[in-house]
Amino acid sequence: MDFLNKRFRIGKCCIKDCKSFELDPDLISHFSFPKDPSRCAVWMDNVKLCHLNNVDIVTLNKKYRL
């Protein structure tokens, strides 16, 4: 179980100035971006993350969390 915690632990949310790292990690849930291009576009539009506009969907899904 310790292996899974180390492998899948997310250090920080991709939203600027998010304070989730200051809270207990057991109380926080981070979500990956959807793999579906149309759903991912809706998420990007809703959260207004300009710094991620040029990142492809596969990378968003694998490396970035909200």
PDB file of N, CA and C in Angstrom:
ATOM      1  N   MET A   1       0.819  -1.198   0.000  1.00  0.00           N
ATOM      2  CA  MET A   1       0.000   0.000   0.000  1.00  0.00           C
ATOM      3  C   MET A   1       0.860   1.258   0.000  1.00  0.00           C
ATOM      4  N   ASP A   2       1.961   1.234   0.722  1.00  0.00           N
ATOM      5  CA  ASP A   2       2.848   2.390   0.761  1.00  0.00           C
ATOM      6  C   ASP A   2       3.382   2.702  -0.631  1.00  0.00           C
ATOM      7  N   PHE A   3       3.657   1.665  -1.428  1.00  0.00           N
ATOM      8  CA  PHE A   3       4.107   1.860  -2.808  1.00  0.00           C
ATOM      9  C   PHE A   3       3.090   2.651  -3.615  1.00  0.00           C
ATOM     10  N   LEU A   4       1.822   2.323  -3.486  1.00  0.00           N
ATOM     11  CA  LEU A   4       0.777   3.034  -4.226  1.00  0.00           C
ATOM     12  C   LEU A   4       0.681   4.488  -3.804  1.00  0.00           C
ATOM     13  N   ASN A   5       0.793   4.752  -2.511  1.00  0.00           N
ATOM     14  CA  ASN A   5       0.719   6.127  -2.035  1.00  0.00           C
ATOM     15  C   ASN A   5       1.842   6.976  -2.607  1.00  0.00           C
ATOM     16  N   LYS A   6       3.054   6.426  -2.671  1.00  0.00           N
ATOM     17  CA  LYS A   6       4.184   7.177  -3.205  1.00  0.00           C
ATOM     18  C   LYS A   6       4.063   7.363  -4.714  1.00  0.00           C
ATOM     19  N   ARG A   7       3.584   6.351  -5.399  1.00  0.00           N
ATOM     20  CA  ARG A   7       3.520   6.411  -6.856  1.00  0.00           C
ATOM     21  C   ARG A   7       2.441   7.371  -7.355  1.00  0.00           C
ATOM     22  N   PHE A   8       1.301   7.377  -6.720  1.00  0.00           N
ATOM     23  CA  PHE A   8       0.172   8.145  -7.229  1.00  0.00           C
ATOM     24  C   PHE A   8      -0.091   9.435  -6.467  1.00  0.00           C
ATOM     25  N   ARG A   9       0.723   9.785  -5.525  1.00  0.00           N
ATOM     26  CA  ARG A   9       0.507  11.018  -4.767  1.00  0.00           C
ATOM     27  C   ARG A   9       0.740  12.230  -5.670  1.00  0.00           C
ATOM     28  N   ILE A  10      -0.173  13.142  -5.622  1.00  0.00           N
ATOM     29  CA  ILE A  10      -0.077  14.365  -6.410  1.00  0.00           C
ATOM     30  C   ILE A  10       0.406  15.469  -5.485  1.00  0.00           C
ATOM     31  N   GLY A  11       1.478  16.130  -5.874  1.00  0.00           N
ATOM     32  CA  GLY A  11       2.051  17.148  -5.016  1.00  0.00           C
ATOM     33  C   GLY A  11       1.293  18.444  -4.997  1.00  0.00           C
ATOM     34  N   LYS A  12       0.709  18.837  -6.114  1.00  0.00           N
ATOM     35  CA  LYS A  12       0.092  20.149  -6.170  1.00  0.00           C
ATOM     36  C   LYS A  12      -0.937  20.198  -7.273  1.00  0.00           C
ATOM     37  N   CYS A  13      -1.959  20.941  -7.030  1.00  0.00           N
ATOM     38  CA  CYS A  13      -3.001  21.199  -8.014  1.00  0.00           C
ATOM     39  C   CYS A  13      -2.438  22.135  -9.091  1.00  0.00           C
ATOM     40  N   CYS A  14      -2.925  22.031 -10.322  1.00  0.00           N
ATOM     41  CA  CYS A  14      -2.403  22.871 -11.409  1.00  0.00           C
ATOM     42  C   CYS A  14      -3.041  24.260 -11.447  1.00  0.00           C
ATOM     43  N   ILE A  15      -3.988  24.533 -10.574  1.00  0.00           N
ATOM     44  CA  ILE A  15      -4.608  25.855 -10.520  1.00  0.00           C
ATOM     45  C   ILE A  15      -3.714  26.780  -9.708  1.00  0.00           C
ATOM     46  N   LYS A  16      -3.417  27.936 -10.267  1.00  0.00           N
ATOM     47  CA  LYS A  16      -2.541  28.906  -9.625  1.00  0.00           C
ATOM     48  C   LYS A  16      -3.106  29.307  -8.262  1.00  0.00           C
ATOM     49  N   ASP A  17      -2.229  29.376  -7.284  1.00  0.00           N
ATOM     50  CA  ASP A  17      -2.551  29.778  -5.915  1.00  0.00           C
ATOM     51  C   ASP A  17      -3.472  28.809  -5.180  1.00  0.00           C
ATOM     52  N   CYS A  18      -3.594  27.581  -5.634  1.00  0.00           N
ATOM     53  CA  CYS A  18      -4.383  26.579  -4.928  1.00  0.00           C
ATOM     54  C   CYS A  18      -3.652  26.211  -3.636  1.00  0.00           C
ATOM     55  N   LYS A  19      -4.369  26.116  -2.570  1.00  0.00           N
ATOM     56  CA  LYS A  19      -3.776  25.837  -1.256  1.00  0.00           C
ATOM     57  C   LYS A  19      -3.971  24.391  -0.822  1.00  0.00           C
ATOM     58  N   SER A  20      -4.305  23.505  -1.754  1.00  0.00           N
ATOM     59  CA  SER A  20      -4.582  22.122  -1.381  1.00  0.00           C
ATOM     60  C   SER A  20      -3.376  21.434  -0.757  1.00  0.00           C
ATOM     61  N   PHE A  21      -2.163  21.873  -1.079  1.00  0.00           N
ATOM     62  CA  PHE A  21      -0.966  21.254  -0.516  1.00  0.00           C
ATOM     63  C   PHE A  21      -0.820  21.546   0.969  1.00  0.00           C
ATOM     64  N   GLU A  22      -1.539  22.545   1.480  1.00  0.00           N
ATOM     65  CA  GLU A  22      -1.460  22.889   2.898  1.00  0.00           C
ATOM     66  C   GLU A  22      -2.391  22.025   3.749  1.00  0.00           C
ATOM     67  N   LEU A  23      -3.289  21.303   3.110  1.00  0.00           N
ATOM     68  CA  LEU A  23      -4.273  20.502   3.829  1.00  0.00           C
ATOM     69  C   LEU A  23      -3.826  19.049   3.941  1.00  0.00           C
ATOM     70  N   ASP A  24      -4.501  18.311   4.771  1.00  0.00           N
ATOM     71  CA  ASP A  24      -4.222  16.887   4.957  1.00  0.00           C
ATOM     72  C   ASP A  24      -4.487  16.146   3.647  1.00  0.00           C
ATOM     73  N   PRO A  25      -3.494  15.452   3.071  1.00  0.00           N
ATOM     74  CA  PRO A  25      -3.672  14.761   1.786  1.00  0.00           C
ATOM     75  C   PRO A  25      -4.755  13.687   1.814  1.00  0.00           C
ATOM     76  N   ASP A  26      -5.082  13.172   2.999  1.00  0.00           N
ATOM     77  CA  ASP A  26      -6.148  12.178   3.095  1.00  0.00           C
ATOM     78  C   ASP A  26      -7.537  12.795   2.939  1.00  0.00           C
ATOM     79  N   LEU A  27      -7.622  14.120   3.054  1.00  0.00           N
ATOM     80  CA  LEU A  27      -8.906  14.807   2.938  1.00  0.00           C
ATOM     81  C   LEU A  27      -9.126  15.426   1.567  1.00  0.00           C
ATOM     82  N   ILE A  28      -8.125  15.369   0.704  1.00  0.00           N
ATOM     83  CA  ILE A  28      -8.171  16.025  -0.599  1.00  0.00           C
ATOM     84  C   ILE A  28      -8.306  14.994  -1.709  1.00  0.00           C
ATOM     85  N   SER A  29      -9.129  15.298  -2.685  1.00  0.00           N
ATOM     86  CA  SER A  29      -9.235  14.477  -3.893  1.00  0.00           C
ATOM     87  C   SER A  29      -8.871  15.337  -5.089  1.00  0.00           C
ATOM     88  N   HIS A  30      -7.894  14.893  -5.852  1.00  0.00           N
ATOM     89  CA  HIS A  30      -7.536  15.577  -7.093  1.00  0.00           C
ATOM     90  C   HIS A  30      -8.087  14.768  -8.260  1.00  0.00           C
ATOM     91  N   PHE A  31      -8.443  15.453  -9.312  1.00  0.00           N
ATOM     92  CA  PHE A  31      -9.035  14.806 -10.469  1.00  0.00           C
ATOM     93  C   PHE A  31      -8.172  15.045 -11.695  1.00  0.00           C
ATOM     94  N   SER A  32      -8.010  14.012 -12.504  1.00  0.00           N
ATOM     95  CA  SER A  32      -7.256  14.178 -13.754  1.00  0.00           C
ATOM     96  C   SER A  32      -8.187  14.739 -14.820  1.00  0.00           C
ATOM     97  N   PHE A  33      -7.590  15.370 -15.805  1.00  0.00           N
ATOM     98  CA  PHE A  33      -8.373  15.895 -16.920  1.00  0.00           C
ATOM     99  C   PHE A  33      -8.956  14.727 -17.713  1.00  0.00           C
ATOM    100  N   PRO A  34     -10.136  14.892 -18.281  1.00  0.00           N
ATOM    101  CA  PRO A  34     -10.743  13.819 -19.077  1.00  0.00           C
ATOM    102  C   PRO A  34      -9.930  13.502 -20.327  1.00  0.00           C
ATOM    103  N   LYS A  35      -9.986  12.243 -20.755  1.00  0.00           N
ATOM    104  CA  LYS A  35      -9.315  11.833 -21.992  1.00  0.00           C
ATOM    105  C   LYS A  35     -10.108  12.231 -23.230  1.00  0.00           C
ATOM    106  N   ASP A  36     -11.408  12.378 -23.076  1.00  0.00           N
ATOM    107  CA  ASP A  36     -12.274  12.760 -24.183  1.00  0.00           C
ATOM    108  C   ASP A  36     -12.011  14.225 -24.552  1.00  0.00           C
ATOM    109  N   PRO A  37     -11.654  14.526 -25.808  1.00  0.00           N
ATOM    110  CA  PRO A  37     -11.306  15.892 -26.206  1.00  0.00           C
ATOM    111  C   PRO A  37     -12.401  16.933 -25.954  1.00  0.00           C
ATOM    112  N   SER A  38     -13.657  16.573 -26.193  1.00  0.00           N
ATOM    113  CA  SER A  38     -14.721  17.568 -25.996  1.00  0.00           C
ATOM    114  C   SER A  38     -14.934  17.854 -24.510  1.00  0.00           C
ATOM    115  N   ARG A  39     -14.873  16.828 -23.681  1.00  0.00           N
ATOM    116  CA  ARG A  39     -15.004  17.051 -22.236  1.00  0.00           C
ATOM    117  C   ARG A  39     -13.816  17.817 -21.678  1.00  0.00           C
ATOM    118  N   CYS A  40     -12.633  17.508 -22.172  1.00  0.00           N
ATOM    119  CA  CYS A  40     -11.436  18.211 -21.725  1.00  0.00           C
ATOM    120  C   CYS A  40     -11.512  19.696 -22.091  1.00  0.00           C
ATOM    121  N   ALA A  41     -12.027  19.993 -23.275  1.00  0.00           N
ATOM    122  CA  ALA A  41     -12.190  21.392 -23.704  1.00  0.00           C
ATOM    123  C   ALA A  41     -13.146  22.138 -22.778  1.00  0.00           C
ATOM    124  N   VAL A  42     -14.205  21.476 -22.353  1.00  0.00           N
ATOM    125  CA  VAL A  42     -15.158  22.099 -21.419  1.00  0.00           C
ATOM    126  C   VAL A  42     -14.475  22.386 -20.088  1.00  0.00           C
ATOM    127  N   TRP A  43     -13.693  21.427 -19.589  1.00  0.00           N
ATOM    128  CA  TRP A  43     -12.966  21.638 -18.337  1.00  0.00           C
ATOM    129  C   TRP A  43     -12.010  22.824 -18.463  1.00  0.00           C
ATOM    130  N   MET A  44     -11.250  22.860 -19.559  1.00  0.00           N
ATOM    131  CA  MET A  44     -10.285  23.950 -19.756  1.00  0.00           C
ATOM    132  C   MET A  44     -10.998  25.293 -19.819  1.00  0.00           C
ATOM    133  N   ASP A  45     -12.137  25.342 -20.479  1.00  0.00           N
ATOM    134  CA  ASP A  45     -12.899  26.585 -20.575  1.00  0.00           C
ATOM    135  C   ASP A  45     -13.422  27.010 -19.202  1.00  0.00           C
ATOM    136  N   ASN A  46     -13.862  26.059 -18.408  1.00  0.00           N
ATOM    137  CA  ASN A  46     -14.432  26.381 -17.099  1.00  0.00           C
ATOM    138  C   ASN A  46     -13.400  26.824 -16.076  1.00  0.00           C
ATOM    139  N   VAL A  47     -12.208  26.254 -16.112  1.00  0.00           N
ATOM    140  CA  VAL A  47     -11.211  26.600 -15.091  1.00  0.00           C
ATOM    141  C   VAL A  47     -10.265  27.718 -15.530  1.00  0.00           C
ATOM    142  N   LYS A  48     -10.321  28.106 -16.788  1.00  0.00           N
ATOM    143  CA  LYS A  48      -9.533  29.250 -17.302  1.00  0.00           C
ATOM    144  C   LYS A  48      -8.037  29.119 -17.019  1.00  0.00           C
ATOM    145  N   LEU A  49      -7.457  27.999 -17.427  1.00  0.00           N
ATOM    146  CA  LEU A  49      -6.029  27.758 -17.222  1.00  0.00           C
ATOM    147  C   LEU A  49      -5.255  28.090 -18.499  1.00  0.00           C
ATOM    148  N   CYS A  50      -4.967  29.352 -18.699  1.00  0.00           N
ATOM    149  CA  CYS A  50      -4.284  29.801 -19.916  1.00  0.00           C
ATOM    150  C   CYS A  50      -2.904  29.167 -20.080  1.00  0.00           C
ATOM    151  N   HIS A  51      -2.218  28.905 -18.980  1.00  0.00           N
ATOM    152  CA  HIS A  51      -0.866  28.340 -19.069  1.00  0.00           C
ATOM    153  C   HIS A  51      -0.871  26.896 -19.567  1.00  0.00           C
ATOM    154  N   LEU A  52      -2.031  26.269 -19.666  1.00  0.00           N
ATOM    155  CA  LEU A  52      -2.108  24.892 -20.157  1.00  0.00           C
ATOM    156  C   LEU A  52      -2.764  24.783 -21.529  1.00  0.00           C
ATOM    157  N   ASN A  53      -3.036  25.890 -22.176  1.00  0.00           N
ATOM    158  CA  ASN A  53      -3.727  25.871 -23.470  1.00  0.00           C
ATOM    159  C   ASN A  53      -2.973  25.091 -24.544  1.00  0.00           C
ATOM    160  N   ASN A  54      -1.662  25.094 -24.504  1.00  0.00           N
ATOM    161  CA  ASN A  54      -0.864  24.434 -25.541  1.00  0.00           C
ATOM    162  C   ASN A  54      -0.443  23.013 -25.174  1.00  0.00           C
ATOM    163  N   VAL A  55      -0.929  22.507 -24.060  1.00  0.00           N
ATOM    164  CA  VAL A  55      -0.587  21.154 -23.630  1.00  0.00           C
ATOM    165  C   VAL A  55      -1.592  20.186 -24.244  1.00  0.00           C
ATOM    166  N   ASP A  56      -1.079  19.083 -24.814  1.00  0.00           N
ATOM    167  CA  ASP A  56      -1.984  18.120 -25.452  1.00  0.00           C
ATOM    168  C   ASP A  56      -2.794  17.348 -24.408  1.00  0.00           C
ATOM    169  N   ILE A  57      -3.889  16.761 -24.838  1.00  0.00           N
ATOM    170  CA  ILE A  57      -4.848  16.103 -23.943  1.00  0.00           C
ATOM    171  C   ILE A  57      -4.233  14.926 -23.200  1.00  0.00           C
ATOM    172  N   VAL A  58      -3.393  14.155 -23.872  1.00  0.00           N
ATOM    173  CA  VAL A  58      -2.757  12.998 -23.220  1.00  0.00           C
ATOM    174  C   VAL A  58      -1.887  13.463 -22.053  1.00  0.00           C
ATOM    175  N   THR A  59      -1.120  14.507 -22.263  1.00  0.00           N
ATOM    176  CA  THR A  59      -0.264  15.047 -21.201  1.00  0.00           C
ATOM    177  C   THR A  59      -1.092  15.636 -20.075  1.00  0.00           C
ATOM    178  N   LEU A  60      -2.157  16.354 -20.418  1.00  0.00           N
ATOM    179  CA  LEU A  60      -3.045  16.895 -19.387  1.00  0.00           C
ATOM    180  C   LEU A  60      -3.581  15.774 -18.502  1.00  0.00           C
ATOM    181  N   ASN A  61      -4.018  14.710 -19.128  1.00  0.00           N
ATOM    182  CA  ASN A  61      -4.598  13.590 -18.389  1.00  0.00           C
ATOM    183  C   ASN A  61      -3.571  12.893 -17.497  1.00  0.00           C
ATOM    184  N   LYS A  62      -2.353  12.755 -17.970  1.00  0.00           N
ATOM    185  CA  LYS A  62      -1.342  11.999 -17.225  1.00  0.00           C
ATOM    186  C   LYS A  62      -0.626  12.822 -16.152  1.00  0.00           C
ATOM    187  N   LYS A  63      -0.405  14.112 -16.399  1.00  0.00           N
ATOM    188  CA  LYS A  63       0.475  14.879 -15.527  1.00  0.00           C
ATOM    189  C   LYS A  63      -0.176  15.969 -14.700  1.00  0.00           C
ATOM    190  N   TYR A  64      -1.356  16.409 -15.065  1.00  0.00           N
ATOM    191  CA  TYR A  64      -1.976  17.541 -14.370  1.00  0.00           C
ATOM    192  C   TYR A  64      -3.241  17.119 -13.645  1.00  0.00           C
ATOM    193  N   ARG A  65      -3.437  17.705 -12.462  1.00  0.00           N
ATOM    194  CA  ARG A  65      -4.597  17.399 -11.632  1.00  0.00           C
ATOM    195  C   ARG A  65      -5.271  18.687 -11.173  1.00  0.00           C
ATOM    196  N   LEU A  66      -6.546  18.558 -10.900  1.00  0.00           N
ATOM    197  CA  LEU A  66      -7.335  19.665 -10.354  1.00  0.00           C
ATOM    198  C   LEU A  66      -7.871  19.250  -9.004  1.00  0.00           C
TER     199      LEU A  66
END
